[in-house]
Amino acid sequence: MNETTPSTGRKTAGAFDVRVIIGALLGIYGAILLLMGLFGDPETDKTGGPNANLWAGLALVVTSAIFLAWWRLRPIVVPDSDDHDQLARPPEH
């Protein structure tokens, strides 16, 4: 699923960028931990005071947001087939 950048018309990696996959997984796990920290038993006696699920979930959601913002702000541009052919060929003398 390639996307085209509006300013240059070049194709980007889109949903196949590894930052999207990592950001989505971190976001899903973070949301689950965040919800468990808010609505589940905090079990603060096991952690010595802080609610570990809440803080770990919050950290994962923030990290996920950073990955997804990085993907959105600096997309990876996929070279056209013509560019790829020129890169693969050795220079002529």
C-alpha atoms as a PDB file:
ATOM      1  CA  MET A   1       0.000   0.000   0.000  1.00  0.00           C
ATOM      2  CA  ASN A   2       2.156   2.853  -1.287  1.00  0.00           C
ATOM      3  CA  GLU A   3       1.122   6.432  -0.716  1.00  0.00           C
ATOM      4  CA  THR A   4       2.096   9.418  -2.818  1.00  0.00           C
ATOM      5  CA  THR A   5       3.424  12.568  -1.224  1.00  0.00           C
ATOM      6  CA  PRO A   6       1.396  15.562  -2.426  1.00  0.00           C
ATOM      7  CA  SER A   7       4.340  17.954  -2.863  1.00  0.00           C
ATOM      8  CA  THR A   8       6.663  15.730  -4.894  1.00  0.00           C
ATOM      9  CA  GLY A   9       4.427  13.018  -6.331  1.00  0.00           C
ATOM     10  CA  ARG A  10       6.897  10.334  -5.200  1.00  0.00           C
ATOM     11  CA  LYS A  11       5.769   7.096  -3.626  1.00  0.00           C
ATOM     12  CA  THR A  12       6.362   6.405   0.058  1.00  0.00           C
ATOM     13  CA  ALA A  13       6.529   3.144   1.995  1.00  0.00           C
ATOM     14  CA  GLY A  14       3.094   3.839   3.538  1.00  0.00           C
ATOM     15  CA  ALA A  15       1.704   1.148   5.823  1.00  0.00           C
ATOM     16  CA  PHE A  16       4.659  -1.160   5.094  1.00  0.00           C
ATOM     17  CA  ASP A  17       7.048   1.151   6.952  1.00  0.00           C
ATOM     18  CA  VAL A  18       8.424  -0.655  10.008  1.00  0.00           C
ATOM     19  CA  ARG A  19       7.709   2.417  12.161  1.00  0.00           C
ATOM     20  CA  VAL A  20       3.969   1.950  11.571  1.00  0.00           C
ATOM     21  CA  ILE A  21       4.079  -1.682  12.674  1.00  0.00           C
ATOM     22  CA  ILE A  22       6.171  -0.929  15.760  1.00  0.00           C
ATOM     23  CA  GLY A  23       4.056   2.105  16.657  1.00  0.00           C
ATOM     24  CA  ALA A  24       0.810   0.179  16.253  1.00  0.00           C
ATOM     25  CA  LEU A  25       1.979  -2.738  18.403  1.00  0.00           C
ATOM     26  CA  LEU A  26       3.303  -0.443  21.119  1.00  0.00           C
ATOM     27  CA  GLY A  27       0.042   1.510  21.003  1.00  0.00           C
ATOM     28  CA  ILE A  28      -2.120  -1.608  21.347  1.00  0.00           C
ATOM     29  CA  TYR A  29      -0.098  -2.999  24.249  1.00  0.00           C
ATOM     30  CA  GLY A  30       0.076   0.450  25.841  1.00  0.00           C
ATOM     31  CA  ALA A  31      -3.684   0.963  25.597  1.00  0.00           C
ATOM     32  CA  ILE A  32      -4.332  -2.427  27.198  1.00  0.00           C
ATOM     33  CA  LEU A  33      -1.922  -1.697  30.057  1.00  0.00           C
ATOM     34  CA  LEU A  34      -3.286   1.814  30.471  1.00  0.00           C
ATOM     35  CA  LEU A  35      -6.856   0.516  30.748  1.00  0.00           C
ATOM     36  CA  MET A  36      -5.781  -2.190  33.191  1.00  0.00           C
ATOM     37  CA  GLY A  37      -3.983   0.428  35.251  1.00  0.00           C
ATOM     38  CA  LEU A  38      -7.048   2.673  35.330  1.00  0.00           C
ATOM     39  CA  PHE A  39      -9.789   0.088  35.844  1.00  0.00           C
ATOM     40  CA  GLY A  40      -8.041  -3.042  37.112  1.00  0.00           C
ATOM     41  CA  ASP A  41      -6.652  -3.902  40.525  1.00  0.00           C
ATOM     42  CA  PRO A  42      -3.534  -1.732  40.917  1.00  0.00           C
ATOM     43  CA  GLU A  43      -1.749  -4.326  43.116  1.00  0.00           C
ATOM     44  CA  THR A  44       0.503  -1.630  44.541  1.00  0.00           C
ATOM     45  CA  ASP A  45       1.726  -3.970  47.274  1.00  0.00           C
ATOM     46  CA  LYS A  46       3.583  -6.025  44.627  1.00  0.00           C
ATOM     47  CA  THR A  47       5.310  -2.996  43.091  1.00  0.00           C
ATOM     48  CA  GLY A  48       6.090  -1.083  46.256  1.00  0.00           C
ATOM     49  CA  GLY A  49       3.673   1.777  45.646  1.00  0.00           C
ATOM     50  CA  PRO A  50       3.296   2.903  42.024  1.00  0.00           C
ATOM     51  CA  ASN A  51       0.718   1.467  39.666  1.00  0.00           C
ATOM     52  CA  ALA A  52       3.054  -0.352  37.234  1.00  0.00           C
ATOM     53  CA  ASN A  53       0.387  -1.056  34.593  1.00  0.00           C
ATOM     54  CA  LEU A  54      -0.637   2.590  34.463  1.00  0.00           C
ATOM     55  CA  TRP A  55       2.889   3.964  34.106  1.00  0.00           C
ATOM     56  CA  ALA A  56       4.087   1.290  31.671  1.00  0.00           C
ATOM     57  CA  GLY A  57       0.955   1.772  29.545  1.00  0.00           C
ATOM     58  CA  LEU A  58       1.432   5.523  29.528  1.00  0.00           C
ATOM     59  CA  ALA A  59       5.086   5.149  28.486  1.00  0.00           C
ATOM     60  CA  LEU A  60       4.138   2.751  25.662  1.00  0.00           C
ATOM     61  CA  VAL A  61       1.382   5.044  24.364  1.00  0.00           C
ATOM     62  CA  VAL A  62       3.771   8.022  24.333  1.00  0.00           C
ATOM     63  CA  THR A  63       6.438   5.948  22.552  1.00  0.00           C
ATOM     64  CA  SER A  64       3.839   4.785  20.043  1.00  0.00           C
ATOM     65  CA  ALA A  65       2.827   8.393  19.360  1.00  0.00           C
ATOM     66  CA  ILE A  66       6.482   9.307  18.770  1.00  0.00           C
ATOM     67  CA  PHE A  67       6.934   6.451  16.273  1.00  0.00           C
ATOM     68  CA  LEU A  68       3.749   7.351  14.387  1.00  0.00           C
ATOM     69  CA  ALA A  69       4.611  11.065  14.323  1.00  0.00           C
ATOM     70  CA  TRP A  70       8.095  10.203  13.019  1.00  0.00           C
ATOM     71  CA  TRP A  71       6.537   8.077  10.270  1.00  0.00           C
ATOM     72  CA  ARG A  72       4.104  10.848   9.333  1.00  0.00           C
ATOM     73  CA  LEU A  73       6.610  13.708   9.380  1.00  0.00           C
ATOM     74  CA  ARG A  74       9.525  11.920   7.655  1.00  0.00           C
ATOM     75  CA  PRO A  75       8.145   9.291   5.254  1.00  0.00           C
ATOM     76  CA  ILE A  76      10.513   6.904   3.487  1.00  0.00           C
ATOM     77  CA  VAL A  77      10.510   7.615  -0.244  1.00  0.00           C
ATOM     78  CA  VAL A  78      10.566   4.518  -2.439  1.00  0.00           C
ATOM     79  CA  PRO A  79      12.648   5.007  -5.605  1.00  0.00           C
ATOM     80  CA  ASP A  80      10.935   4.687  -8.960  1.00  0.00           C
ATOM     81  CA  SER A  81      11.876   1.732 -11.149  1.00  0.00           C
ATOM     82  CA  ASP A  82      13.869   4.107 -13.390  1.00  0.00           C
ATOM     83  CA  ASP A  83      15.841   5.401 -10.415  1.00  0.00           C
ATOM     84  CA  HIS A  84      16.449   1.837  -9.262  1.00  0.00           C
ATOM     85  CA  ASP A  85      17.735   0.804 -12.694  1.00  0.00           C
ATOM     86  CA  GLN A  86      20.141   3.729 -12.772  1.00  0.00           C
ATOM     87  CA  LEU A  87      21.421   2.921  -9.304  1.00  0.00           C
ATOM     88  CA  ALA A  88      21.956  -0.754 -10.196  1.00  0.00           C
ATOM     89  CA  ARG A  89      23.934  -0.064 -13.377  1.00  0.00           C
ATOM     90  CA  PRO A  90      27.651   0.680 -13.122  1.00  0.00           C
ATOM     91  CA  PRO A  91      28.651   4.082 -14.514  1.00  0.00           C
ATOM     92  CA  GLU A  92      29.795   4.136 -18.115  1.00  0.00           C
ATOM     93  CA  HIS A  93      33.242   5.540 -18.888  1.00  0.00           C
END
